[in-house]
Every structure is written in C-alpha cells, then in structure tokens.
mmCIF file of all heavy atoms, coordinates in Angstrom:
data_MODEL
# 
_entry.id   MODEL 
# 
loop_
_atom_site.group_PDB 
_atom_site.id 
_atom_site.type_symbol 
_atom_site.label_atom_id 
_atom_site.label_alt_id 
_atom_site.label_comp_id 
_atom_site.label_asym_id 
_atom_site.label_entity_id 
_atom_site.label_seq_id 
_atom_site.pdbx_PDB_ins_code 
_atom_site.Cartn_x 
_atom_site.Cartn_y 
_atom_site.Cartn_z 
_atom_site.occupancy 
_atom_site.B_iso_or_equiv 
_atom_site.pdbx_formal_charge 
_atom_site.auth_seq_id 
_atom_site.auth_comp_id 
_atom_site.auth_asym_id 
_atom_site.auth_atom_id 
_atom_site.pdbx_PDB_model_num 
ATOM 1   N N   . ARG A 1 1  ? -10.527 3.086   38.621 1.00 0.00 ? 1  ARG A N   1 
ATOM 2   C CA  . ARG A 1 1  ? -10.116 4.451   38.269 1.00 0.00 ? 1  ARG A CA  1 
ATOM 3   C C   . ARG A 1 1  ? -9.674  5.214   39.519 1.00 0.00 ? 1  ARG A C   1 
ATOM 4   O O   . ARG A 1 1  ? -8.627  5.862   39.536 1.00 0.00 ? 1  ARG A O   1 
ATOM 5   C CB  . ARG A 1 1  ? -11.286 5.183   37.604 1.00 0.00 ? 1  ARG A CB  1 
ATOM 6   C CG  . ARG A 1 1  ? -10.951 6.623   37.185 1.00 0.00 ? 1  ARG A CG  1 
ATOM 7   C CD  . ARG A 1 1  ? -12.217 7.384   36.834 1.00 0.00 ? 1  ARG A CD  1 
ATOM 8   N NE  . ARG A 1 1  ? -12.946 6.712   35.772 1.00 0.00 ? 1  ARG A NE  1 
ATOM 9   C CZ  . ARG A 1 1  ? -13.348 7.315   34.654 1.00 0.00 ? 1  ARG A CZ  1 
ATOM 10  N NH1 . ARG A 1 1  ? -13.083 8.589   34.458 1.00 0.00 ? 1  ARG A NH1 1 
ATOM 11  N NH2 . ARG A 1 1  ? -14.037 6.658   33.758 1.00 0.00 ? 1  ARG A NH2 1 
ATOM 12  N N   . GLU A 1 2  ? -10.469 5.090   40.575 1.00 0.00 ? 2  GLU A N   1 
ATOM 13  C CA  . GLU A 1 2  ? -10.124 5.774   41.828 1.00 0.00 ? 2  GLU A CA  1 
ATOM 14  C C   . GLU A 1 2  ? -8.816  5.238   42.410 1.00 0.00 ? 2  GLU A C   1 
ATOM 15  O O   . GLU A 1 2  ? -7.980  5.994   42.912 1.00 0.00 ? 2  GLU A O   1 
ATOM 16  C CB  . GLU A 1 2  ? -11.262 5.614   42.831 1.00 0.00 ? 2  GLU A CB  1 
ATOM 17  C CG  . GLU A 1 2  ? -12.505 6.437   42.526 1.00 0.00 ? 2  GLU A CG  1 
ATOM 18  C CD  . GLU A 1 2  ? -13.314 5.930   41.344 1.00 0.00 ? 2  GLU A CD  1 
ATOM 19  O OE1 . GLU A 1 2  ? -13.097 4.772   40.917 1.00 0.00 ? 2  GLU A OE1 1 
ATOM 20  O OE2 . GLU A 1 2  ? -14.160 6.677   40.849 1.00 0.00 ? 2  GLU A OE2 1 
ATOM 21  N N   . SER A 1 3  ? -8.644  3.927   42.330 1.00 0.00 ? 3  SER A N   1 
ATOM 22  C CA  . SER A 1 3  ? -7.416  3.313   42.834 1.00 0.00 ? 3  SER A CA  1 
ATOM 23  C C   . SER A 1 3  ? -6.198  3.827   42.088 1.00 0.00 ? 3  SER A C   1 
ATOM 24  O O   . SER A 1 3  ? -5.165  4.165   42.695 1.00 0.00 ? 3  SER A O   1 
ATOM 25  C CB  . SER A 1 3  ? -7.515  1.789   42.708 1.00 0.00 ? 3  SER A CB  1 
ATOM 26  O OG  . SER A 1 3  ? -6.321  1.171   43.121 1.00 0.00 ? 3  SER A OG  1 
ATOM 27  N N   . MET A 1 4  ? -6.279  3.914   40.771 1.00 0.00 ? 4  MET A N   1 
ATOM 28  C CA  . MET A 1 4  ? -5.147  4.379   39.971 1.00 0.00 ? 4  MET A CA  1 
ATOM 29  C C   . MET A 1 4  ? -4.827  5.850   40.245 1.00 0.00 ? 4  MET A C   1 
ATOM 30  O O   . MET A 1 4  ? -3.657  6.242   40.307 1.00 0.00 ? 4  MET A O   1 
ATOM 31  C CB  . MET A 1 4  ? -5.430  4.145   38.486 1.00 0.00 ? 4  MET A CB  1 
ATOM 32  C CG  . MET A 1 4  ? -5.409  2.679   38.085 1.00 0.00 ? 4  MET A CG  1 
ATOM 33  S SD  . MET A 1 4  ? -5.558  2.419   36.294 1.00 0.00 ? 4  MET A SD  1 
ATOM 34  C CE  . MET A 1 4  ? -7.285  2.873   36.042 1.00 0.00 ? 4  MET A CE  1 
ATOM 35  N N   . VAL A 1 5  ? -5.868  6.670   40.422 1.00 0.00 ? 5  VAL A N   1 
ATOM 36  C CA  . VAL A 1 5  ? -5.640  8.084   40.719 1.00 0.00 ? 5  VAL A CA  1 
ATOM 37  C C   . VAL A 1 5  ? -4.934  8.243   42.057 1.00 0.00 ? 5  VAL A C   1 
ATOM 38  O O   . VAL A 1 5  ? -3.988  9.037   42.191 1.00 0.00 ? 5  VAL A O   1 
ATOM 39  C CB  . VAL A 1 5  ? -6.976  8.862   40.707 1.00 0.00 ? 5  VAL A CB  1 
ATOM 40  C CG1 . VAL A 1 5  ? -6.797  10.243  41.341 1.00 0.00 ? 5  VAL A CG1 1 
ATOM 41  C CG2 . VAL A 1 5  ? -7.489  9.001   39.286 1.00 0.00 ? 5  VAL A CG2 1 
ATOM 42  N N   . LEU A 1 6  ? -5.378  7.491   43.063 1.00 0.00 ? 6  LEU A N   1 
ATOM 43  C CA  . LEU A 1 6  ? -4.730  7.582   44.367 1.00 0.00 ? 6  LEU A CA  1 
ATOM 44  C C   . LEU A 1 6  ? -3.264  7.157   44.296 1.00 0.00 ? 6  LEU A C   1 
ATOM 45  O O   . LEU A 1 6  ? -2.399  7.754   44.936 1.00 0.00 ? 6  LEU A O   1 
ATOM 46  C CB  . LEU A 1 6  ? -5.492  6.721   45.383 1.00 0.00 ? 6  LEU A CB  1 
ATOM 47  C CG  . LEU A 1 6  ? -6.882  7.248   45.769 1.00 0.00 ? 6  LEU A CG  1 
ATOM 48  C CD1 . LEU A 1 6  ? -7.609  6.248   46.654 1.00 0.00 ? 6  LEU A CD1 1 
ATOM 49  C CD2 . LEU A 1 6  ? -6.785  8.599   46.472 1.00 0.00 ? 6  LEU A CD2 1 
ATOM 50  N N   . GLU A 1 7  ? -2.980  6.129   43.513 1.00 0.00 ? 7  GLU A N   1 
ATOM 51  C CA  . GLU A 1 7  ? -1.581  5.739   43.322 1.00 0.00 ? 7  GLU A CA  1 
ATOM 52  C C   . GLU A 1 7  ? -0.795  6.860   42.650 1.00 0.00 ? 7  GLU A C   1 
ATOM 53  O O   . GLU A 1 7  ? 0.360   7.130   43.013 1.00 0.00 ? 7  GLU A O   1 
ATOM 54  C CB  . GLU A 1 7  ? -1.505  4.470   42.478 1.00 0.00 ? 7  GLU A CB  1 
ATOM 55  C CG  . GLU A 1 7  ? -1.937  3.216   43.212 1.00 0.00 ? 7  GLU A CG  1 
ATOM 56  C CD  . GLU A 1 7  ? -1.726  1.981   42.368 1.00 0.00 ? 7  GLU A CD  1 
ATOM 57  O OE1 . GLU A 1 7  ? -2.638  1.634   41.591 1.00 0.00 ? 7  GLU A OE1 1 
ATOM 58  O OE2 . GLU A 1 7  ? -0.639  1.376   42.473 1.00 0.00 ? 7  GLU A OE2 1 
ATOM 59  N N   . ASN A 1 8  ? -1.397  7.524   41.669 1.00 0.00 ? 8  ASN A N   1 
ATOM 60  C CA  . ASN A 1 8  ? -0.712  8.589   40.942 1.00 0.00 ? 8  ASN A CA  1 
ATOM 61  C C   . ASN A 1 8  ? -0.370  9.775   41.825 1.00 0.00 ? 8  ASN A C   1 
ATOM 62  O O   . ASN A 1 8  ? 0.619   10.482  41.561 1.00 0.00 ? 8  ASN A O   1 
ATOM 63  C CB  . ASN A 1 8  ? -1.572  9.064   39.761 1.00 0.00 ? 8  ASN A CB  1 
ATOM 64  C CG  . ASN A 1 8  ? -1.661  8.042   38.653 1.00 0.00 ? 8  ASN A CG  1 
ATOM 65  O OD1 . ASN A 1 8  ? -0.826  7.131   38.559 1.00 0.00 ? 8  ASN A OD1 1 
ATOM 66  N ND2 . ASN A 1 8  ? -2.664  8.169   37.797 1.00 0.00 ? 8  ASN A ND2 1 
ATOM 67  N N   . VAL A 1 9  ? -1.176  10.024  42.866 1.00 0.00 ? 9  VAL A N   1 
ATOM 68  C CA  . VAL A 1 9  ? -0.912  11.183  43.735 1.00 0.00 ? 9  VAL A CA  1 
ATOM 69  C C   . VAL A 1 9  ? -0.082  10.814  44.958 1.00 0.00 ? 9  VAL A C   1 
ATOM 70  O O   . VAL A 1 9  ? 0.124   11.646  45.839 1.00 0.00 ? 9  VAL A O   1 
ATOM 71  C CB  . VAL A 1 9  ? -2.227  11.868  44.179 1.00 0.00 ? 9  VAL A CB  1 
ATOM 72  C CG1 . VAL A 1 9  ? -3.001  12.366  42.971 1.00 0.00 ? 9  VAL A CG1 1 
ATOM 73  C CG2 . VAL A 1 9  ? -3.077  10.928  45.022 1.00 0.00 ? 9  VAL A CG2 1 
ATOM 74  N N   . GLY A 1 10 ? 0.376   9.547   45.029 1.00 0.00 ? 10 GLY A N   1 
ATOM 75  C CA  . GLY A 1 10 ? 1.314   9.201   46.091 1.00 0.00 ? 10 GLY A CA  1 
ATOM 76  C C   . GLY A 1 10 ? 0.884   8.144   47.072 1.00 0.00 ? 10 GLY A C   1 
ATOM 77  O O   . GLY A 1 10 ? 1.659   7.793   47.965 1.00 0.00 ? 10 GLY A O   1 
ATOM 78  N N   . PHE A 1 11 ? -0.331  7.606   46.952 1.00 0.00 ? 11 PHE A N   1 
ATOM 79  C CA  . PHE A 1 11 ? -0.744  6.531   47.850 1.00 0.00 ? 11 PHE A CA  1 
ATOM 80  C C   . PHE A 1 11 ? 0.059   5.274   47.524 1.00 0.00 ? 11 PHE A C   1 
ATOM 81  O O   . PHE A 1 11 ? 0.162   4.876   46.362 1.00 0.00 ? 11 PHE A O   1 
ATOM 82  C CB  . PHE A 1 11 ? -2.241  6.249   47.717 1.00 0.00 ? 11 PHE A CB  1 
ATOM 83  C CG  . PHE A 1 11 ? -3.109  7.186   48.508 1.00 0.00 ? 11 PHE A CG  1 
ATOM 84  C CD1 . PHE A 1 11 ? -3.227  8.523   48.154 1.00 0.00 ? 11 PHE A CD1 1 
ATOM 85  C CD2 . PHE A 1 11 ? -3.802  6.736   49.623 1.00 0.00 ? 11 PHE A CD2 1 
ATOM 86  C CE1 . PHE A 1 11 ? -4.011  9.392   48.882 1.00 0.00 ? 11 PHE A CE1 1 
ATOM 87  C CE2 . PHE A 1 11 ? -4.597  7.597   50.356 1.00 0.00 ? 11 PHE A CE2 1 
ATOM 88  C CZ  . PHE A 1 11 ? -4.703  8.929   49.996 1.00 0.00 ? 11 PHE A CZ  1 
ATOM 89  N N   . LYS A 1 12 ? 0.598   4.654   48.551 1.00 0.00 ? 12 LYS A N   1 
ATOM 90  C CA  . LYS A 1 12 ? 1.478   3.507   48.350 1.00 0.00 ? 12 LYS A CA  1 
ATOM 91  C C   . LYS A 1 12 ? 0.803   2.176   48.618 1.00 0.00 ? 12 LYS A C   1 
ATOM 92  O O   . LYS A 1 12 ? 1.236   1.146   48.148 1.00 0.00 ? 12 LYS A O   1 
ATOM 93  C CB  . LYS A 1 12 ? 2.711   3.633   49.261 1.00 0.00 ? 12 LYS A CB  1 
ATOM 94  C CG  . LYS A 1 12 ? 3.545   4.881   49.000 1.00 0.00 ? 12 LYS A CG  1 
ATOM 95  C CD  . LYS A 1 12 ? 4.055   4.932   47.569 1.00 0.00 ? 12 LYS A CD  1 
ATOM 96  C CE  . LYS A 1 12 ? 4.927   6.141   47.342 1.00 0.00 ? 12 LYS A CE  1 
ATOM 97  N NZ  . LYS A 1 12 ? 5.354   6.256   45.935 1.00 0.00 ? 12 LYS A NZ  1 
ATOM 98  N N   . PHE A 1 13 ? -0.236  2.193   49.419 1.00 0.00 ? 13 PHE A N   1 
ATOM 99  C CA  . PHE A 1 13 ? -0.964  0.950   49.702 1.00 0.00 ? 13 PHE A CA  1 
ATOM 100 C C   . PHE A 1 13 ? -2.433  1.275   49.680 1.00 0.00 ? 13 PHE A C   1 
ATOM 101 O O   . PHE A 1 13 ? -2.927  2.027   50.508 1.00 0.00 ? 13 PHE A O   1 
ATOM 102 C CB  . PHE A 1 13 ? -0.560  0.390   51.073 1.00 0.00 ? 13 PHE A CB  1 
ATOM 103 C CG  . PHE A 1 13 ? -1.279  -0.886  51.427 1.00 0.00 ? 13 PHE A CG  1 
ATOM 104 C CD1 . PHE A 1 13 ? -0.782  -2.116  51.034 1.00 0.00 ? 13 PHE A CD1 1 
ATOM 105 C CD2 . PHE A 1 13 ? -2.459  -0.859  52.152 1.00 0.00 ? 13 PHE A CD2 1 
ATOM 106 C CE1 . PHE A 1 13 ? -1.437  -3.286  51.350 1.00 0.00 ? 13 PHE A CE1 1 
ATOM 107 C CE2 . PHE A 1 13 ? -3.130  -2.023  52.465 1.00 0.00 ? 13 PHE A CE2 1 
ATOM 108 C CZ  . PHE A 1 13 ? -2.610  -3.248  52.075 1.00 0.00 ? 13 PHE A CZ  1 
ATOM 109 N N   . ILE A 1 14 ? -3.142  0.748   48.713 1.00 0.00 ? 14 ILE A N   1 
ATOM 110 C CA  . ILE A 1 14 ? -4.559  1.056   48.570 1.00 0.00 ? 14 ILE A CA  1 
ATOM 111 C C   . ILE A 1 14 ? -5.356  -0.189  48.896 1.00 0.00 ? 14 ILE A C   1 
ATOM 112 O O   . ILE A 1 14 ? -5.190  -1.240  48.274 1.00 0.00 ? 14 ILE A O   1 
ATOM 113 C CB  . ILE A 1 14 ? -4.878  1.563   47.158 1.00 0.00 ? 14 ILE A CB  1 
ATOM 114 C CG1 . ILE A 1 14 ? -4.133  2.884   46.916 1.00 0.00 ? 14 ILE A CG1 1 
ATOM 115 C CG2 . ILE A 1 14 ? -6.378  1.759   46.982 1.00 0.00 ? 14 ILE A CG2 1 
ATOM 116 C CD1 . ILE A 1 14 ? -4.297  3.436   45.522 1.00 0.00 ? 14 ILE A CD1 1 
ATOM 117 N N   . GLU A 1 15 ? -6.197  -0.084  49.901 1.00 0.00 ? 15 GLU A N   1 
ATOM 118 C CA  . GLU A 1 15 ? -6.975  -1.225  50.381 1.00 0.00 ? 15 GLU A CA  1 
ATOM 119 C C   . GLU A 1 15 ? -8.331  -1.259  49.693 1.00 0.00 ? 15 GLU A C   1 
ATOM 120 O O   . GLU A 1 15 ? -9.048  -0.260  49.673 1.00 0.00 ? 15 GLU A O   1 
ATOM 121 C CB  . GLU A 1 15 ? -7.165  -1.122  51.890 1.00 0.00 ? 15 GLU A CB  1 
ATOM 122 C CG  . GLU A 1 15 ? -7.916  -2.286  52.482 1.00 0.00 ? 15 GLU A CG  1 
ATOM 123 C CD  . GLU A 1 15 ? -8.025  -2.163  53.986 1.00 0.00 ? 15 GLU A CD  1 
ATOM 124 O OE1 . GLU A 1 15 ? -7.979  -1.047  54.509 1.00 0.00 ? 15 GLU A OE1 1 
ATOM 125 O OE2 . GLU A 1 15 ? -8.158  -3.208  54.630 1.00 0.00 ? 15 GLU A OE2 1 
ATOM 126 N N   . THR A 1 16 ? -8.652  -2.378  49.099 1.00 0.00 ? 16 THR A N   1 
ATOM 127 C CA  . THR A 1 16 ? -9.956  -2.527  48.476 1.00 0.00 ? 16 THR A CA  1 
ATOM 128 C C   . THR A 1 16 ? -10.846 -3.412  49.343 1.00 0.00 ? 16 THR A C   1 
ATOM 129 O O   . THR A 1 16 ? -10.354 -4.202  50.143 1.00 0.00 ? 16 THR A O   1 
ATOM 130 C CB  . THR A 1 16 ? -9.846  -3.142  47.075 1.00 0.00 ? 16 THR A CB  1 
ATOM 131 O OG1 . THR A 1 16 ? -9.224  -4.424  47.177 1.00 0.00 ? 16 THR A OG1 1 
ATOM 132 C CG2 . THR A 1 16 ? -9.019  -2.260  46.163 1.00 0.00 ? 16 THR A CG2 1 
ATOM 133 N N   . ILE A 1 17 ? -12.138 -3.263  49.194 1.00 0.00 ? 17 ILE A N   1 
ATOM 134 C CA  . ILE A 1 17 ? -13.096 -4.025  49.986 1.00 0.00 ? 17 ILE A CA  1 
ATOM 135 C C   . ILE A 1 17 ? -13.716 -5.108  49.106 1.00 0.00 ? 17 ILE A C   1 
ATOM 136 O O   . ILE A 1 17 ? -14.260 -4.824  48.046 1.00 0.00 ? 17 ILE A O   1 
ATOM 137 C CB  . ILE A 1 17 ? -14.201 -3.112  50.534 1.00 0.00 ? 17 ILE A CB  1 
ATOM 138 C CG1 . ILE A 1 17 ? -13.587 -2.021  51.439 1.00 0.00 ? 17 ILE A CG1 1 
ATOM 139 C CG2 . ILE A 1 17 ? -15.234 -3.920  51.323 1.00 0.00 ? 17 ILE A CG2 1 
ATOM 140 C CD1 . ILE A 1 17 ? -14.599 -1.004  51.917 1.00 0.00 ? 17 ILE A CD1 1 
ATOM 141 N N   . LEU A 1 18 ? -13.622 -6.347  49.564 1.00 0.00 ? 18 LEU A N   1 
ATOM 142 C CA  . LEU A 1 18 ? -14.267 -7.452  48.890 1.00 0.00 ? 18 LEU A CA  1 
ATOM 143 C C   . LEU A 1 18 ? -15.489 -7.877  49.695 1.00 0.00 ? 18 LEU A C   1 
ATOM 144 O O   . LEU A 1 18 ? -15.477 -7.828  50.924 1.00 0.00 ? 18 LEU A O   1 
ATOM 145 C CB  . LEU A 1 18 ? -13.304 -8.632  48.740 1.00 0.00 ? 18 LEU A CB  1 
ATOM 146 C CG  . LEU A 1 18 ? -12.036 -8.372  47.924 1.00 0.00 ? 18 LEU A CG  1 
ATOM 147 C CD1 . LEU A 1 18 ? -11.154 -9.611  47.925 1.00 0.00 ? 18 LEU A CD1 1 
ATOM 148 C CD2 . LEU A 1 18 ? -12.370 -7.972  46.493 1.00 0.00 ? 18 LEU A CD2 1 
ATOM 149 N N   . HIS A 1 19 ? -16.527 -8.293  49.029 1.00 0.00 ? 19 HIS A N   1 
ATOM 150 C CA  . HIS A 1 19 ? -17.754 -8.716  49.699 1.00 0.00 ? 19 HIS A CA  1 
ATOM 151 C C   . HIS A 1 19 ? -18.075 -10.158 49.306 1.00 0.00 ? 19 HIS A C   1 
ATOM 152 O O   . HIS A 1 19 ? -18.927 -10.401 48.446 1.00 0.00 ? 19 HIS A O   1 
ATOM 153 C CB  . HIS A 1 19 ? -18.912 -7.787  49.330 1.00 0.00 ? 19 HIS A CB  1 
ATOM 154 C CG  . HIS A 1 19 ? -18.771 -6.398  49.851 1.00 0.00 ? 19 HIS A CG  1 
ATOM 155 N ND1 . HIS A 1 19 ? -19.007 -6.071  51.164 1.00 0.00 ? 19 HIS A ND1 1 
ATOM 156 C CD2 . HIS A 1 19 ? -18.376 -5.251  49.253 1.00 0.00 ? 19 HIS A CD2 1 
ATOM 157 C CE1 . HIS A 1 19 ? -18.793 -4.781  51.349 1.00 0.00 ? 19 HIS A CE1 1 
ATOM 158 N NE2 . HIS A 1 19 ? -18.403 -4.262  50.207 1.00 0.00 ? 19 HIS A NE2 1 
ATOM 159 N N   . PRO A 1 20 ? -17.393 -11.117 49.925 1.00 0.00 ? 20 PRO A N   1 
ATOM 160 C CA  . PRO A 1 20 ? -17.731 -12.513 49.622 1.00 0.00 ? 20 PRO A CA  1 
ATOM 161 C C   . PRO A 1 20 ? -19.131 -12.835 50.125 1.00 0.00 ? 20 PRO A C   1 
ATOM 162 O O   . PRO A 1 20 ? -19.597 -12.256 51.107 1.00 0.00 ? 20 PRO A O   1 
ATOM 163 C CB  . PRO A 1 20 ? -16.672 -13.301 50.399 1.00 0.00 ? 20 PRO A CB  1 
ATOM 164 C CG  . PRO A 1 20 ? -16.272 -12.390 51.507 1.00 0.00 ? 20 PRO A CG  1 
ATOM 165 C CD  . PRO A 1 20 ? -16.360 -10.999 50.948 1.00 0.00 ? 20 PRO A CD  1 
ATOM 166 N N   . PHE A 1 21 ? -19.795 -13.757 49.446 1.00 0.00 ? 21 PHE A N   1 
ATOM 167 C CA  . PHE A 1 21 ? -21.137 -14.101 49.879 1.00 0.00 ? 21 PHE A CA  1 
ATOM 168 C C   . PHE A 1 21 ? -21.411 -15.563 49.527 1.00 0.00 ? 21 PHE A C   1 
ATOM 169 O O   . PHE A 1 21 ? -20.716 -16.177 48.729 1.00 0.00 ? 21 PHE A O   1 
ATOM 170 C CB  . PHE A 1 21 ? -22.178 -13.204 49.200 1.00 0.00 ? 21 PHE A CB  1 
ATOM 171 C CG  . PHE A 1 21 ? -22.313 -13.452 47.718 1.00 0.00 ? 21 PHE A CG  1 
ATOM 172 C CD1 . PHE A 1 21 ? -23.296 -14.306 47.210 1.00 0.00 ? 21 PHE A CD1 1 
ATOM 173 C CD2 . PHE A 1 21 ? -21.447 -12.847 46.827 1.00 0.00 ? 21 PHE A CD2 1 
ATOM 174 C CE1 . PHE A 1 21 ? -23.406 -14.546 45.849 1.00 0.00 ? 21 PHE A CE1 1 
ATOM 175 C CE2 . PHE A 1 21 ? -21.552 -13.080 45.468 1.00 0.00 ? 21 PHE A CE2 1 
ATOM 176 C CZ  . PHE A 1 21 ? -22.528 -13.931 44.979 1.00 0.00 ? 21 PHE A CZ  1 
ATOM 177 N N   . THR A 1 22 ? -22.399 -16.079 50.155 1.00 0.00 ? 22 THR A N   1 
ATOM 178 C CA  . THR A 1 22 ? -22.854 -17.418 49.830 1.00 0.00 ? 22 THR A CA  1 
ATOM 179 C C   . THR A 1 22 ? -24.370 -17.413 49.854 1.00 0.00 ? 22 THR A C   1 
ATOM 180 O O   . THR A 1 22 ? -24.995 -16.649 50.591 1.00 0.00 ? 22 THR A O   1 
ATOM 181 C CB  . THR A 1 22 ? -22.300 -18.465 50.811 1.00 0.00 ? 22 THR A CB  1 
ATOM 182 O OG1 . THR A 1 22 ? -22.713 -19.772 50.389 1.00 0.00 ? 22 THR A OG1 1 
ATOM 183 C CG2 . THR A 1 22 ? -22.803 -18.218 52.223 1.00 0.00 ? 22 THR A CG2 1 
ATOM 184 N N   . ASP A 1 23 ? -24.961 -18.246 49.014 1.00 0.00 ? 23 ASP A N   1 
ATOM 185 C CA  . ASP A 1 23 ? -26.414 -18.322 48.997 1.00 0.00 ? 23 ASP A CA  1 
ATOM 186 C C   . ASP A 1 23 ? -26.846 -19.776 49.168 1.00 0.00 ? 23 ASP A C   1 
ATOM 187 O O   . ASP A 1 23 ? -26.041 -20.671 49.334 1.00 0.00 ? 23 ASP A O   1 
ATOM 188 C CB  . ASP A 1 23 ? -26.970 -17.724 47.691 1.00 0.00 ? 23 ASP A CB  1 
ATOM 189 C CG  . ASP A 1 23 ? -26.411 -18.425 46.461 1.00 0.00 ? 23 ASP A CG  1 
ATOM 190 O OD1 . ASP A 1 23 ? -25.637 -19.385 46.625 1.00 0.00 ? 23 ASP A OD1 1 
ATOM 191 O OD2 . ASP A 1 23 ? -26.744 -18.003 45.346 1.00 0.00 ? 23 ASP A OD2 1 
ATOM 192 N N   . ARG A 1 24 ? -28.131 -19.985 49.192 1.00 0.00 ? 24 ARG A N   1 
ATOM 193 C CA  . ARG A 1 24 ? -28.713 -21.324 49.327 1.00 0.00 ? 24 ARG A CA  1 
ATOM 194 C C   . ARG A 1 24 ? -28.127 -22.053 50.548 1.00 0.00 ? 24 ARG A C   1 
ATOM 195 O O   . ARG A 1 24 ? -27.764 -23.234 50.489 1.00 0.00 ? 24 ARG A O   1 
ATOM 196 C CB  . ARG A 1 24 ? -28.495 -22.141 48.050 1.00 0.00 ? 24 ARG A CB  1 
ATOM 197 C CG  . ARG A 1 24 ? -29.033 -21.454 46.802 1.00 0.00 ? 24 ARG A CG  1 
ATOM 198 C CD  . ARG A 1 24 ? -28.753 -22.269 45.552 1.00 0.00 ? 24 ARG A CD  1 
ATOM 199 N NE  . ARG A 1 24 ? -29.593 -23.445 45.495 1.00 0.00 ? 24 ARG A NE  1 
ATOM 200 C CZ  . ARG A 1 24 ? -30.809 -23.452 44.949 1.00 0.00 ? 24 ARG A CZ  1 
ATOM 201 N NH1 . ARG A 1 24 ? -31.313 -22.353 44.434 1.00 0.00 ? 24 ARG A NH1 1 
ATOM 202 N NH2 . ARG A 1 24 ? -31.523 -24.567 44.924 1.00 0.00 ? 24 ARG A NH2 1 
ATOM 203 N N   . LEU A 1 25 ? -28.050 -21.318 51.644 1.00 0.00 ? 25 LEU A N   1 
ATOM 204 C CA  . LEU A 1 25 ? -27.494 -21.919 52.859 1.00 0.00 ? 25 LEU A CA  1 
ATOM 205 C C   . LEU A 1 25 ? -28.306 -23.117 53.334 1.00 0.00 ? 25 LEU A C   1 
ATOM 206 O O   . LEU A 1 25 ? -27.773 -24.011 53.984 1.00 0.00 ? 25 LEU A O   1 
ATOM 207 C CB  . LEU A 1 25 ? -27.423 -20.859 53.978 1.00 0.00 ? 25 LEU A CB  1 
ATOM 208 C CG  . LEU A 1 25 ? -26.335 -19.785 53.836 1.00 0.00 ? 25 LEU A CG  1 
ATOM 209 C CD1 . LEU A 1 25 ? -26.487 -18.751 54.947 1.00 0.00 ? 25 LEU A CD1 1 
ATOM 210 C CD2 . LEU A 1 25 ? -24.956 -20.399 53.892 1.00 0.00 ? 25 LEU A CD2 1 
ATOM 211 N N   . TYR A 1 26 ? -29.572 -23.126 52.996 1.00 0.00 ? 26 TYR A N   1 
ATOM 212 C CA  . TYR A 1 26 ? -30.411 -24.242 53.434 1.00 0.00 ? 26 TYR A CA  1 
ATOM 213 C C   . TYR A 1 26 ? -30.003 -25.563 52.791 1.00 0.00 ? 26 TYR A C   1 
ATOM 214 O O   . TYR A 1 26 ? -30.386 -26.639 53.261 1.00 0.00 ? 26 TYR A O   1 
ATOM 215 C CB  . TYR A 1 26 ? -31.884 -23.940 53.129 1.00 0.00 ? 26 TYR A CB  1 
ATOM 216 C CG  . TYR A 1 26 ? -32.189 -23.708 51.667 1.00 0.00 ? 26 TYR A CG  1 
ATOM 217 C CD1 . TYR A 1 26 ? -32.463 -24.767 50.803 1.00 0.00 ? 26 TYR A CD1 1 
ATOM 218 C CD2 . TYR A 1 26 ? -32.209 -22.408 51.165 1.00 0.00 ? 26 TYR A CD2 1 
ATOM 219 C CE1 . TYR A 1 26 ? -32.737 -24.547 49.460 1.00 0.00 ? 26 TYR A CE1 1 
ATOM 220 C CE2 . TYR A 1 26 ? -32.487 -22.188 49.819 1.00 0.00 ? 26 TYR A CE2 1 
ATOM 221 C CZ  . TYR A 1 26 ? -32.757 -23.251 48.976 1.00 0.00 ? 26 TYR A CZ  1 
ATOM 222 O OH  . TYR A 1 26 ? -33.021 -23.020 47.652 1.00 0.00 ? 26 TYR A OH  1 
ATOM 223 N N   . GLU A 1 27 ? -29.191 -25.495 51.711 1.00 0.00 ? 27 GLU A N   1 
ATOM 224 C CA  . GLU A 1 27 ? -28.742 -26.722 51.060 1.00 0.00 ? 27 GLU A CA  1 
ATOM 225 C C   . GLU A 1 27 ? -27.412 -27.221 51.631 1.00 0.00 ? 27 GLU A C   1 
ATOM 226 O O   . GLU A 1 27 ? -26.953 -28.308 51.281 1.00 0.00 ? 27 GLU A O   1 
ATOM 227 C CB  . GLU A 1 27 ? -28.589 -26.488 49.558 1.00 0.00 ? 27 GLU A CB  1 
ATOM 228 C CG  . GLU A 1 27 ? -29.903 -26.205 48.851 1.00 0.00 ? 27 GLU A CG  1 
ATOM 229 C CD  . GLU A 1 27 ? -29.712 -26.024 47.357 1.00 0.00 ? 27 GLU A CD  1 
ATOM 230 O OE1 . GLU A 1 27 ? -28.538 -25.996 46.916 1.00 0.00 ? 27 GLU A OE1 1 
ATOM 231 O OE2 . GLU A 1 27 ? -30.722 -25.922 46.640 1.00 0.00 ? 27 GLU A OE2 1 
ATOM 232 N N   . LYS A 1 28 ? -26.787 -26.421 52.475 1.00 0.00 ? 28 LYS A N   1 
ATOM 233 C CA  . LYS A 1 28 ? -25.474 -26.773 53.001 1.00 0.00 ? 28 LYS A CA  1 
ATOM 234 C C   . LYS A 1 28 ? -25.606 -27.469 54.355 1.00 0.00 ? 28 LYS A C   1 
ATOM 235 O O   . LYS A 1 28 ? -26.514 -27.188 55.129 1.00 0.00 ? 28 LYS A O   1 
ATOM 236 C CB  . LYS A 1 28 ? -24.593 -25.527 53.113 1.00 0.00 ? 28 LYS A CB  1 
ATOM 237 C CG  . LYS A 1 28 ? -24.444 -24.782 51.795 1.00 0.00 ? 28 LYS A CG  1 
ATOM 238 C CD  . LYS A 1 28 ? -23.549 -23.580 51.920 1.00 0.00 ? 28 LYS A CD  1 
ATOM 239 C CE  . LYS A 1 28 ? -23.531 -22.782 50.622 1.00 0.00 ? 28 LYS A CE  1 
ATOM 240 N NZ  . LYS A 1 28 ? -23.002 -23.570 49.509 1.00 0.00 ? 28 LYS A NZ  1 
ATOM 241 N N   . GLU A 1 29 ? -24.664 -28.328 54.619 1.00 0.00 ? 29 GLU A N   1 
ATOM 242 C CA  . GLU A 1 29 ? -24.688 -29.083 55.868 1.00 0.00 ? 29 GLU A CA  1 
ATOM 243 C C   . GLU A 1 29 ? -23.568 -28.579 56.779 1.00 0.00 ? 29 GLU A C   1 
ATOM 244 O O   . GLU A 1 29 ? -22.403 -28.517 56.381 1.00 0.00 ? 29 GLU A O   1 
ATOM 245 C CB  . GLU A 1 29 ? -24.486 -30.580 55.599 1.00 0.00 ? 29 GLU A CB  1 
ATOM 246 C CG  . GLU A 1 29 ? -24.553 -31.439 56.859 1.00 0.00 ? 29 GLU A CG  1 
ATOM 247 C CD  . GLU A 1 29 ? -24.417 -32.915 56.562 1.00 0.00 ? 29 GLU A CD  1 
ATOM 248 O OE1 . GLU A 1 29 ? -24.451 -33.282 55.374 1.00 0.00 ? 29 GLU A OE1 1 
ATOM 249 O OE2 . GLU A 1 29 ? -24.278 -33.691 57.518 1.00 0.00 ? 29 GLU A OE2 1 
# 
C-alpha cells in the first residue's frame, strides 16, 4: 500500500528491503 501511494505521488523508483535468512546452519557443510 505504501509503495503504491509513493508511486501515485511521483516516486519513480521505490526500493524495498528483503530479509533473506537461513536456519539450521549446523546441518550445512
């Protein structure tokens, strides 16, 4: 919703934040 509103008022490039994650690291080599 916030992204669409910013586009509507003139923002041309809207950067979103992604939070990649991994779990069970003890199982990985």
